[in-house]
PDB file of N, CA and C in Angstrom:
ATOM      1  N   UNK A   1     -58.981-106.961 -18.516  1.00  0.00           N
ATOM      2  CA  UNK A   1     -57.516-105.549 -18.680  1.00  0.00           C
ATOM      3  C   UNK A   1     -58.552-105.298 -20.487  1.00  0.00           C
ATOM      4  N   UNK A   2     -58.037-104.088 -20.632  1.00  0.00           N
ATOM      5  CA  UNK A   2     -58.558-102.851 -20.989  1.00  0.00           C
ATOM      6  C   UNK A   2     -57.506-102.613 -22.593  1.00  0.00           C
ATOM      7  N   UNK A   3     -57.694-102.764 -23.323  1.00  0.00           N
ATOM      8  CA  UNK A   3     -56.505-102.528 -24.380  1.00  0.00           C
ATOM      9  C   UNK A   3     -57.617-101.744 -25.664  1.00  0.00           C
ATOM     10  N   UNK A   4     -56.375-101.476 -26.543  1.00  0.00           N
ATOM     11  CA  UNK A   4     -56.828-100.569 -28.090  1.00  0.00           C
ATOM     12  C   UNK A   4     -56.216-101.662 -29.001  1.00  0.00           C
ATOM     13  N   UNK A   5     -57.098-102.142 -29.905  1.00  0.00           N
ATOM     14  CA  UNK A   5     -56.342-102.724 -31.067  1.00  0.00           C
ATOM     15  C   UNK A   5     -57.206-101.750 -31.940  1.00  0.00           C
ATOM     16  N   UNK A   6     -56.289-102.150 -33.600  1.00  0.00           N
ATOM     17  CA  UNK A   6     -57.207-101.332 -34.457  1.00  0.00           C
ATOM     18  C   UNK A   6     -57.117-102.224 -35.618  1.00  0.00           C
ATOM     19  N   UNK A   7     -58.169-102.803 -35.976  1.00  0.00           N
ATOM     20  CA  UNK A   7     -58.698-104.053 -37.034  1.00  0.00           C
ATOM     21  C   UNK A   7     -59.079-103.356 -37.896  1.00  0.00           C
ATOM     22  N   UNK A   8     -58.955-104.271 -38.719  1.00  0.00           N
ATOM     23  CA  UNK A   8     -59.488-104.526 -40.329  1.00  0.00           C
ATOM     24  C   UNK A   8     -60.965-104.001 -40.397  1.00  0.00           C
ATOM     25  N   UNK A   9     -61.764-102.683 -41.357  1.00  0.00           N
ATOM     26  CA  UNK A   9     -63.117-102.339 -40.884  1.00  0.00           C
ATOM     27  C   UNK A   9     -64.067-103.737 -41.101  1.00  0.00           C
ATOM     28  N   UNK A  10     -63.652-104.117 -42.204  1.00  0.00           N
ATOM     29  CA  UNK A  10     -64.192-105.189 -42.865  1.00  0.00           C
ATOM     30  C   UNK A  10     -64.576-106.062 -42.170  1.00  0.00           C
ATOM     31  N   UNK A  11     -63.005-106.596 -41.638  1.00  0.00           N
ATOM     32  CA  UNK A  11     -63.234-107.620 -40.741  1.00  0.00           C
ATOM     33  C   UNK A  11     -63.973-107.458 -39.180  1.00  0.00           C
ATOM     34  N   UNK A  12     -63.792-105.957 -38.463  1.00  0.00           N
ATOM     35  CA  UNK A  12     -64.634-105.622 -37.430  1.00  0.00           C
ATOM     36  C   UNK A  12     -66.002-106.110 -37.599  1.00  0.00           C
ATOM     37  N   UNK A  13     -66.589-105.102 -38.657  1.00  0.00           N
ATOM     38  CA  UNK A  13     -67.750-105.542 -39.137  1.00  0.00           C
ATOM     39  C   UNK A  13     -68.327-106.571 -39.178  1.00  0.00           C
ATOM     40  N   UNK A  14     -67.737-107.962 -39.689  1.00  0.00           N
ATOM     41  CA  UNK A  14     -68.058-109.173 -39.878  1.00  0.00           C
ATOM     42  C   UNK A  14     -67.789-109.596 -38.086  1.00  0.00           C
ATOM     43  N   UNK A  15     -67.055-109.157 -37.555  1.00  0.00           N
ATOM     44  CA  UNK A  15     -66.977-110.235 -36.241  1.00  0.00           C
ATOM     45  C   UNK A  15     -68.294-109.608 -35.413  1.00  0.00           C
ATOM     46  N   UNK A  16     -68.937-108.124 -35.724  1.00  0.00           N
ATOM     47  CA  UNK A  16     -69.980-107.764 -34.799  1.00  0.00           C
ATOM     48  C   UNK A  16     -71.069-108.496 -35.243  1.00  0.00           C
ATOM     49  N   UNK A  17     -71.165-109.145 -36.600  1.00  0.00           N
ATOM     50  CA  UNK A  17     -72.171-109.896 -36.957  1.00  0.00           C
ATOM     51  C   UNK A  17     -72.487-110.938 -36.423  1.00  0.00           C
ATOM     52  N   UNK A  18     -71.267-111.234 -36.516  1.00  0.00           N
ATOM     53  CA  UNK A  18     -70.770-112.947 -36.156  1.00  0.00           C
ATOM     54  C   UNK A  18     -71.480-113.302 -34.488  1.00  0.00           C
ATOM     55  N   UNK A  19     -70.859-112.024 -34.060  1.00  0.00           N
ATOM     56  CA  UNK A  19     -70.956-112.005 -32.891  1.00  0.00           C
ATOM     57  C   UNK A  19     -72.532-111.757 -32.076  1.00  0.00           C
ATOM     58  N   UNK A  20     -73.404-111.058 -32.896  1.00  0.00           N
ATOM     59  CA  UNK A  20     -74.709-110.957 -32.709  1.00  0.00           C
ATOM     60  C   UNK A  20     -75.349-111.847 -33.295  1.00  0.00           C
ATOM     61  N   UNK A  21     -75.522-112.539 -34.090  1.00  0.00           N
ATOM     62  CA  UNK A  21     -75.977-113.766 -34.533  1.00  0.00           C
ATOM     63  C   UNK A  21     -76.104-114.777 -33.997  1.00  0.00           C
ATOM     64  N   UNK A  22     -74.374-115.324 -33.406  1.00  0.00           N
ATOM     65  CA  UNK A  22     -74.330-116.146 -32.024  1.00  0.00           C
ATOM     66  C   UNK A  22     -74.954-115.835 -30.568  1.00  0.00           C
ATOM     67  N   UNK A  23     -75.107-114.836 -30.411  1.00  0.00           N
ATOM     68  CA  UNK A  23     -75.398-113.992 -28.943  1.00  0.00           C
ATOM     69  C   UNK A  23     -73.938-114.209 -28.021  1.00  0.00           C
ATOM     70  N   UNK A  24     -73.296-113.638 -28.936  1.00  0.00           N
ATOM     71  CA  UNK A  24     -71.724-113.615 -27.834  1.00  0.00           C
ATOM     72  C   UNK A  24     -71.446-112.076 -27.778  1.00  0.00           C
ATOM     73  N   UNK A  25     -70.285-111.551 -27.192  1.00  0.00           N
ATOM     74  CA  UNK A  25     -69.841-110.468 -27.130  1.00  0.00           C
ATOM     75  C   UNK A  25     -68.850-110.517 -27.932  1.00  0.00           C
ATOM     76  N   UNK A  26     -68.340-109.586 -28.378  1.00  0.00           N
ATOM     77  CA  UNK A  26     -67.298-109.220 -29.592  1.00  0.00           C
ATOM     78  C   UNK A  26     -66.362-109.320 -28.920  1.00  0.00           C
ATOM     79  N   UNK A  27     -66.407-109.098 -27.371  1.00  0.00           N
ATOM     80  CA  UNK A  27     -64.243-109.588 -26.746  1.00  0.00           C
ATOM     81  C   UNK A  27     -64.389-110.798 -26.296  1.00  0.00           C
ATOM     82  N   UNK A  28     -65.414-111.555 -26.307  1.00  0.00           N
ATOM     83  CA  UNK A  28     -65.481-113.049 -26.096  1.00  0.00           C
ATOM     84  C   UNK A  28     -65.207-113.766 -27.626  1.00  0.00           C
ATOM     85  N   UNK A  29     -65.637-113.378 -28.643  1.00  0.00           N
ATOM     86  CA  UNK A  29     -64.970-113.809 -29.873  1.00  0.00           C
ATOM     87  C   UNK A  29     -63.337-113.441 -30.044  1.00  0.00           C
ATOM     88  N   UNK A  30     -63.489-112.429 -29.606  1.00  0.00           N
ATOM     89  CA  UNK A  30     -61.527-112.133 -29.968  1.00  0.00           C
ATOM     90  C   UNK A  30     -61.247-112.604 -28.903  1.00  0.00           C
ATOM     91  N   UNK A  31     -61.355-113.078 -28.006  1.00  0.00           N
ATOM     92  CA  UNK A  31     -60.623-113.870 -26.577  1.00  0.00           C
ATOM     93  C   UNK A  31     -60.296-115.762 -27.284  1.00  0.00           C
ATOM     94  N   UNK A  32     -61.482-115.876 -27.882  1.00  0.00           N
ATOM     95  CA  UNK A  32     -61.219-117.589 -28.471  1.00  0.00           C
ATOM     96  C   UNK A  32     -60.581-116.880 -29.193  1.00  0.00           C
ATOM     97  N   UNK A  33     -60.724-116.155 -30.272  1.00  0.00           N
ATOM     98  CA  UNK A  33     -59.526-116.646 -31.513  1.00  0.00           C
ATOM     99  C   UNK A  33     -58.451-116.454 -31.469  1.00  0.00           C
ATOM    100  N   UNK A  34     -57.613-115.724 -30.545  1.00  0.00           N
ATOM    101  CA  UNK A  34     -56.842-115.249 -29.687  1.00  0.00           C
ATOM    102  C   UNK A  34     -56.502-117.159 -28.740  1.00  0.00           C
ATOM    103  N   UNK A  35     -57.168-116.810 -28.211  1.00  0.00           N
ATOM    104  CA  UNK A  35     -56.467-118.357 -27.762  1.00  0.00           C
ATOM    105  C   UNK A  35     -56.349-119.552 -28.788  1.00  0.00           C
ATOM    106  N   UNK A  36     -57.311-119.680 -29.711  1.00  0.00           N
ATOM    107  CA  UNK A  36     -56.861-120.735 -30.715  1.00  0.00           C
ATOM    108  C   UNK A  36     -55.584-120.745 -31.549  1.00  0.00           C
ATOM    109  N   UNK A  37     -55.489-119.421 -31.949  1.00  0.00           N
ATOM    110  CA  UNK A  37     -53.860-118.726 -32.682  1.00  0.00           C
ATOM    111  C   UNK A  37     -52.905-119.185 -31.818  1.00  0.00           C
ATOM    112  N   UNK A  38     -53.024-119.071 -30.761  1.00  0.00           N
ATOM    113  CA  UNK A  38     -51.690-119.059 -29.513  1.00  0.00           C
ATOM    114  C   UNK A  38     -51.851-120.938 -29.410  1.00  0.00           C
ATOM    115  N   UNK A  39     -52.497-121.786 -29.256  1.00  0.00           N
ATOM    116  CA  UNK A  39     -52.376-122.822 -29.046  1.00  0.00           C
ATOM    117  C   UNK A  39     -52.025-123.503 -30.222  1.00  0.00           C
ATOM    118  N   UNK A  40     -52.176-123.067 -31.610  1.00  0.00           N
ATOM    119  CA  UNK A  40     -52.298-123.636 -32.938  1.00  0.00           C
ATOM    120  C   UNK A  40     -50.444-123.782 -32.899  1.00  0.00           C
ATOM    121  N   UNK A  41     -50.203-122.639 -32.449  1.00  0.00           N
ATOM    122  CA  UNK A  41     -48.685-122.216 -32.879  1.00  0.00           C
ATOM    123  C   UNK A  41     -47.624-123.062 -31.772  1.00  0.00           C
ATOM    124  N   UNK A  42     -48.105-123.640 -30.398  1.00  0.00           N
ATOM    125  CA  UNK A  42     -47.544-124.045 -29.961  1.00  0.00           C
ATOM    126  C   UNK A  42     -47.700-125.474 -30.571  1.00  0.00           C
ATOM    127  N   UNK A  43     -48.375-126.231 -31.132  1.00  0.00           N
ATOM    128  CA  UNK A  43     -48.727-127.338 -31.467  1.00  0.00           C
ATOM    129  C   UNK A  43     -47.575-127.685 -32.832  1.00  0.00           C
ATOM    130  N   UNK A  44     -47.242-126.697 -33.262  1.00  0.00           N
ATOM    131  CA  UNK A  44     -46.230-126.855 -34.652  1.00  0.00           C
ATOM    132  C   UNK A  44     -45.289-128.054 -34.076  1.00  0.00           C
ATOM    133  N   UNK A  45     -45.418-128.862 -35.327  1.00  0.00           N
ATOM    134  CA  UNK A  45     -43.931-130.080 -35.322  1.00  0.00           C
ATOM    135  C   UNK A  45     -42.731-129.200 -35.349  1.00  0.00           C
ATOM    136  N   UNK A  46     -41.396-129.718 -34.678  1.00  0.00           N
ATOM    137  CA  UNK A  46     -40.330-129.092 -34.768  1.00  0.00           C
ATOM    138  C   UNK A  46     -39.869-129.232 -36.541  1.00  0.00           C
ATOM    139  N   UNK A  47     -39.362-127.915 -36.733  1.00  0.00           N
ATOM    140  CA  UNK A  47     -38.670-128.456 -38.482  1.00  0.00           C
ATOM    141  C   UNK A  47     -37.654-129.366 -38.054  1.00  0.00           C
ATOM    142  N   UNK A  48     -38.105-129.990 -40.157  1.00  0.00           N
ATOM    143  CA  UNK A  48     -36.973-131.028 -40.453  1.00  0.00           C
ATOM    144  C   UNK A  48     -35.629-130.693 -40.819  1.00  0.00           C
ATOM    145  N   UNK A  49     -34.680-131.426 -40.374  1.00  0.00           N
ATOM    146  CA  UNK A  49     -33.795-131.219 -40.574  1.00  0.00           C
ATOM    147  C   UNK A  49     -33.599-131.329 -42.133  1.00  0.00           C
ATOM    148  N   UNK A  50     -32.772-130.327 -43.091  1.00  0.00           N
ATOM    149  CA  UNK A  50     -32.548-130.732 -44.503  1.00  0.00           C
ATOM    150  C   UNK A  50     -31.457-130.759 -44.920  1.00  0.00           C
ATOM    151  N   UNK A  51     -31.143-131.668 -45.401  1.00  0.00           N
ATOM    152  CA  UNK A  51     -29.367-131.891 -45.862  1.00  0.00           C
ATOM    153  C   UNK A  51     -29.697-131.044 -47.455  1.00  0.00           C
ATOM    154  N   UNK A  52     -28.518-130.355 -47.369  1.00  0.00           N
ATOM    155  CA  UNK A  52     -28.126-129.429 -48.926  1.00  0.00           C
ATOM    156  C   UNK A  52     -26.891-130.013 -49.421  1.00  0.00           C
ATOM    157  N   UNK A  53     -27.203-130.354 -50.888  1.00  0.00           N
ATOM    158  CA  UNK A  53     -26.032-130.648 -51.854  1.00  0.00           C
ATOM    159  C   UNK A  53     -25.286-129.807 -52.207  1.00  0.00           C
ATOM    160  N   UNK A  54     -23.855-129.867 -51.952  1.00  0.00           N
ATOM    161  CA  UNK A  54     -23.200-128.962 -52.282  1.00  0.00           C
ATOM    162  C   UNK A  54     -21.878-129.592 -52.714  1.00  0.00           C
ATOM    163  N   UNK A  55     -21.776-130.430 -53.311  1.00  0.00           N
ATOM    164  CA  UNK A  55     -21.454-130.593 -54.639  1.00  0.00           C
ATOM    165  C   UNK A  55     -21.387-132.470 -55.118  1.00  0.00           C
ATOM    166  N   UNK A  56     -21.005-132.481 -55.885  1.00  0.00           N
ATOM    167  CA  UNK A  56     -21.045-133.680 -56.902  1.00  0.00           C
ATOM    168  C   UNK A  56     -22.144-133.784 -57.848  1.00  0.00           C
ATOM    169  N   UNK A  57     -22.874-134.870 -58.089  1.00  0.00           N
ATOM    170  CA  UNK A  57     -23.886-135.006 -58.945  1.00  0.00           C
ATOM    171  C   UNK A  57     -24.986-133.979 -57.963  1.00  0.00           C
ATOM    172  N   UNK A  58     -25.649-132.991 -58.975  1.00  0.00           N
ATOM    173  CA  UNK A  58     -27.154-132.542 -58.351  1.00  0.00           C
ATOM    174  C   UNK A  58     -26.654-131.483 -57.583  1.00  0.00           C
ATOM    175  N   UNK A  59     -25.148-131.559 -57.058  1.00  0.00           N
ATOM    176  CA  UNK A  59     -25.044-129.983 -56.236  1.00  0.00           C
ATOM    177  C   UNK A  59     -24.730-128.758 -57.299  1.00  0.00           C
ATOM    178  N   UNK A  60     -24.074-128.205 -56.410  1.00  0.00           N
ATOM    179  CA  UNK A  60     -24.248-126.498 -57.002  1.00  0.00           C
ATOM    180  C   UNK A  60     -23.522-126.484 -58.378  1.00  0.00           C
ATOM    181  N   UNK A  61     -23.563-125.941 -59.103  1.00  0.00           N
ATOM    182  CA  UNK A  61     -22.965-125.482 -60.601  1.00  0.00           C
ATOM    183  C   UNK A  61     -21.787-125.006 -60.109  1.00  0.00           C
ATOM    184  N   UNK A  62     -20.528-124.883 -61.384  1.00  0.00           N
ATOM    185  CA  UNK A  62     -19.319-124.381 -60.549  1.00  0.00           C
ATOM    186  C   UNK A  62     -19.569-123.081 -60.983  1.00  0.00           C
ATOM    187  N   UNK A  63     -18.912-122.261 -60.252  1.00  0.00           N
ATOM    188  CA  UNK A  63     -18.978-120.677 -60.108  1.00  0.00           C
ATOM    189  C   UNK A  63     -20.147-119.949 -59.355  1.00  0.00           C
ATOM    190  N   UNK A  64     -21.370-120.754 -59.024  1.00  0.00           N
ATOM    191  CA  UNK A  64     -22.303-120.332 -58.045  1.00  0.00           C
ATOM    192  C   UNK A  64     -21.907-120.297 -56.578  1.00  0.00           C
ATOM    193  N   UNK A  65     -21.965-118.886 -56.165  1.00  0.00           N
ATOM    194  CA  UNK A  65     -21.785-118.627 -54.793  1.00  0.00           C
ATOM    195  C   UNK A  65     -22.979-118.274 -53.807  1.00  0.00           C
ATOM    196  N   UNK A  66     -23.480-119.372 -52.843  1.00  0.00           N
ATOM    197  CA  UNK A  66     -24.032-119.169 -52.249  1.00  0.00           C
ATOM    198  C   UNK A  66     -24.703-118.033 -50.894  1.00  0.00           C
ATOM    199  N   UNK A  67     -23.497-117.421 -51.055  1.00  0.00           N
ATOM    200  CA  UNK A  67     -23.556-116.310 -49.762  1.00  0.00           C
ATOM    201  C   UNK A  67     -24.137-114.946 -50.637  1.00  0.00           C
ATOM    202  N   UNK A  68     -24.509-114.690 -51.714  1.00  0.00           N
ATOM    203  CA  UNK A  68     -25.162-113.411 -51.618  1.00  0.00           C
ATOM    204  C   UNK A  68     -26.174-113.960 -52.589  1.00  0.00           C
ATOM    205  N   UNK A  69     -27.306-112.918 -52.460  1.00  0.00           N
ATOM    206  CA  UNK A  69     -28.545-113.405 -52.766  1.00  0.00           C
ATOM    207  C   UNK A  69     -28.714-112.417 -54.526  1.00  0.00           C
ATOM    208  N   UNK A  70     -28.111-111.318 -54.375  1.00  0.00           N
ATOM    209  CA  UNK A  70     -27.501-110.251 -55.243  1.00  0.00           C
ATOM    210  C   UNK A  70     -27.087-111.317 -56.842  1.00  0.00           C
ATOM    211  N   UNK A  71     -26.075-111.867 -56.389  1.00  0.00           N
ATOM    212  CA  UNK A  71     -25.299-112.953 -57.150  1.00  0.00           C
ATOM    213  C   UNK A  71     -25.902-113.861 -57.301  1.00  0.00           C
ATOM    214  N   UNK A  72     -26.513-114.799 -56.558  1.00  0.00           N
ATOM    215  CA  UNK A  72     -27.562-115.682 -56.920  1.00  0.00           C
ATOM    216  C   UNK A  72     -28.789-115.231 -58.353  1.00  0.00           C
ATOM    217  N   UNK A  73     -29.713-114.084 -57.732  1.00  0.00           N
ATOM    218  CA  UNK A  73     -30.171-113.258 -58.618  1.00  0.00           C
ATOM    219  C   UNK A  73     -29.753-113.153 -59.977  1.00  0.00           C
ATOM    220  N   UNK A  74     -28.535-112.505 -60.015  1.00  0.00           N
ATOM    221  CA  UNK A  74     -28.307-112.367 -61.368  1.00  0.00           C
ATOM    222  C   UNK A  74     -27.532-113.799 -61.936  1.00  0.00           C
ATOM    223  N   UNK A  75     -27.032-114.780 -61.694  1.00  0.00           N
ATOM    224  CA  UNK A  75     -27.146-115.753 -62.424  1.00  0.00           C
ATOM    225  C   UNK A  75     -28.559-116.677 -62.529  1.00  0.00           C
ATOM    226  N   UNK A  76     -29.228-116.279 -61.732  1.00  0.00           N
ATOM    227  CA  UNK A  76     -30.747-117.194 -62.237  1.00  0.00           C
ATOM    228  C   UNK A  76     -31.249-116.405 -63.724  1.00  0.00           C
ATOM    229  N   UNK A  77     -30.830-115.140 -63.610  1.00  0.00           N
ATOM    230  CA  UNK A  77     -31.309-114.277 -64.770  1.00  0.00           C
ATOM    231  C   UNK A  77     -30.308-114.661 -65.755  1.00  0.00           C
ATOM    232  N   UNK A  78     -29.001-115.187 -65.473  1.00  0.00           N
ATOM    233  CA  UNK A  78     -28.869-114.603 -67.415  1.00  0.00           C
ATOM    234  C   UNK A  78     -28.402-116.399 -67.963  1.00  0.00           C
ATOM    235  N   UNK A  79     -27.987-116.208 -69.174  1.00  0.00           N
ATOM    236  CA  UNK A  79     -28.474-117.369 -69.665  1.00  0.00           C
ATOM    237  C   UNK A  79     -27.363-118.428 -69.490  1.00  0.00           C
ATOM    238  N   UNK A  80     -26.596-118.291 -68.386  1.00  0.00           N
ATOM    239  CA  UNK A  80     -25.572-119.272 -68.390  1.00  0.00           C
ATOM    240  C   UNK A  80     -26.083-120.051 -67.550  1.00  0.00           C
ATOM    241  N   UNK A  81     -26.821-120.059 -66.898  1.00  0.00           N
ATOM    242  CA  UNK A  81     -27.254-121.074 -65.935  1.00  0.00           C
ATOM    243  C   UNK A  81     -28.494-121.266 -66.579  1.00  0.00           C
ATOM    244  N   UNK A  82     -28.862-121.586 -67.169  1.00  0.00           N
ATOM    245  CA  UNK A  82     -30.605-121.971 -67.348  1.00  0.00           C
ATOM    246  C   UNK A  82     -30.463-123.226 -67.907  1.00  0.00           C
ATOM    247  N   UNK A  83     -30.971-123.970 -67.687  1.00  0.00           N
ATOM    248  CA  UNK A  83     -31.331-125.543 -67.817  1.00  0.00           C
ATOM    249  C   UNK A  83     -31.565-125.488 -69.718  1.00  0.00           C
ATOM    250  N   UNK A  84     -31.018-126.771 -70.239  1.00  0.00           N
ATOM    251  CA  UNK A  84     -31.254-126.445 -71.493  1.00  0.00           C
ATOM    252  C   UNK A  84     -32.339-127.594 -71.756  1.00  0.00           C
ATOM    253  N   UNK A  85     -32.663-128.552 -70.805  1.00  0.00           N
ATOM    254  CA  UNK A  85     -33.743-129.514 -70.790  1.00  0.00           C
ATOM    255  C   UNK A  85     -35.245-129.195 -71.056  1.00  0.00           C
TER     256      UNK A  85
END
């Protein structure tokens, strides 16, 4: 099948040099690379479940709401929540 792809100029030049040096076509090199990437994605281990502490010792500090990134960033940048350790 024919298709058009846009590649970084330096990447394309390096791929052409590699293909020529190894006696391969650019198409075969691209095919192999795509197959490797796709196979690697299928071999990934499932994500591990992580439990977050939400209270008690080591949990969230009082007044911290975790449902707003803007609020969390404001708190992290304020002196109120900086550790004195």
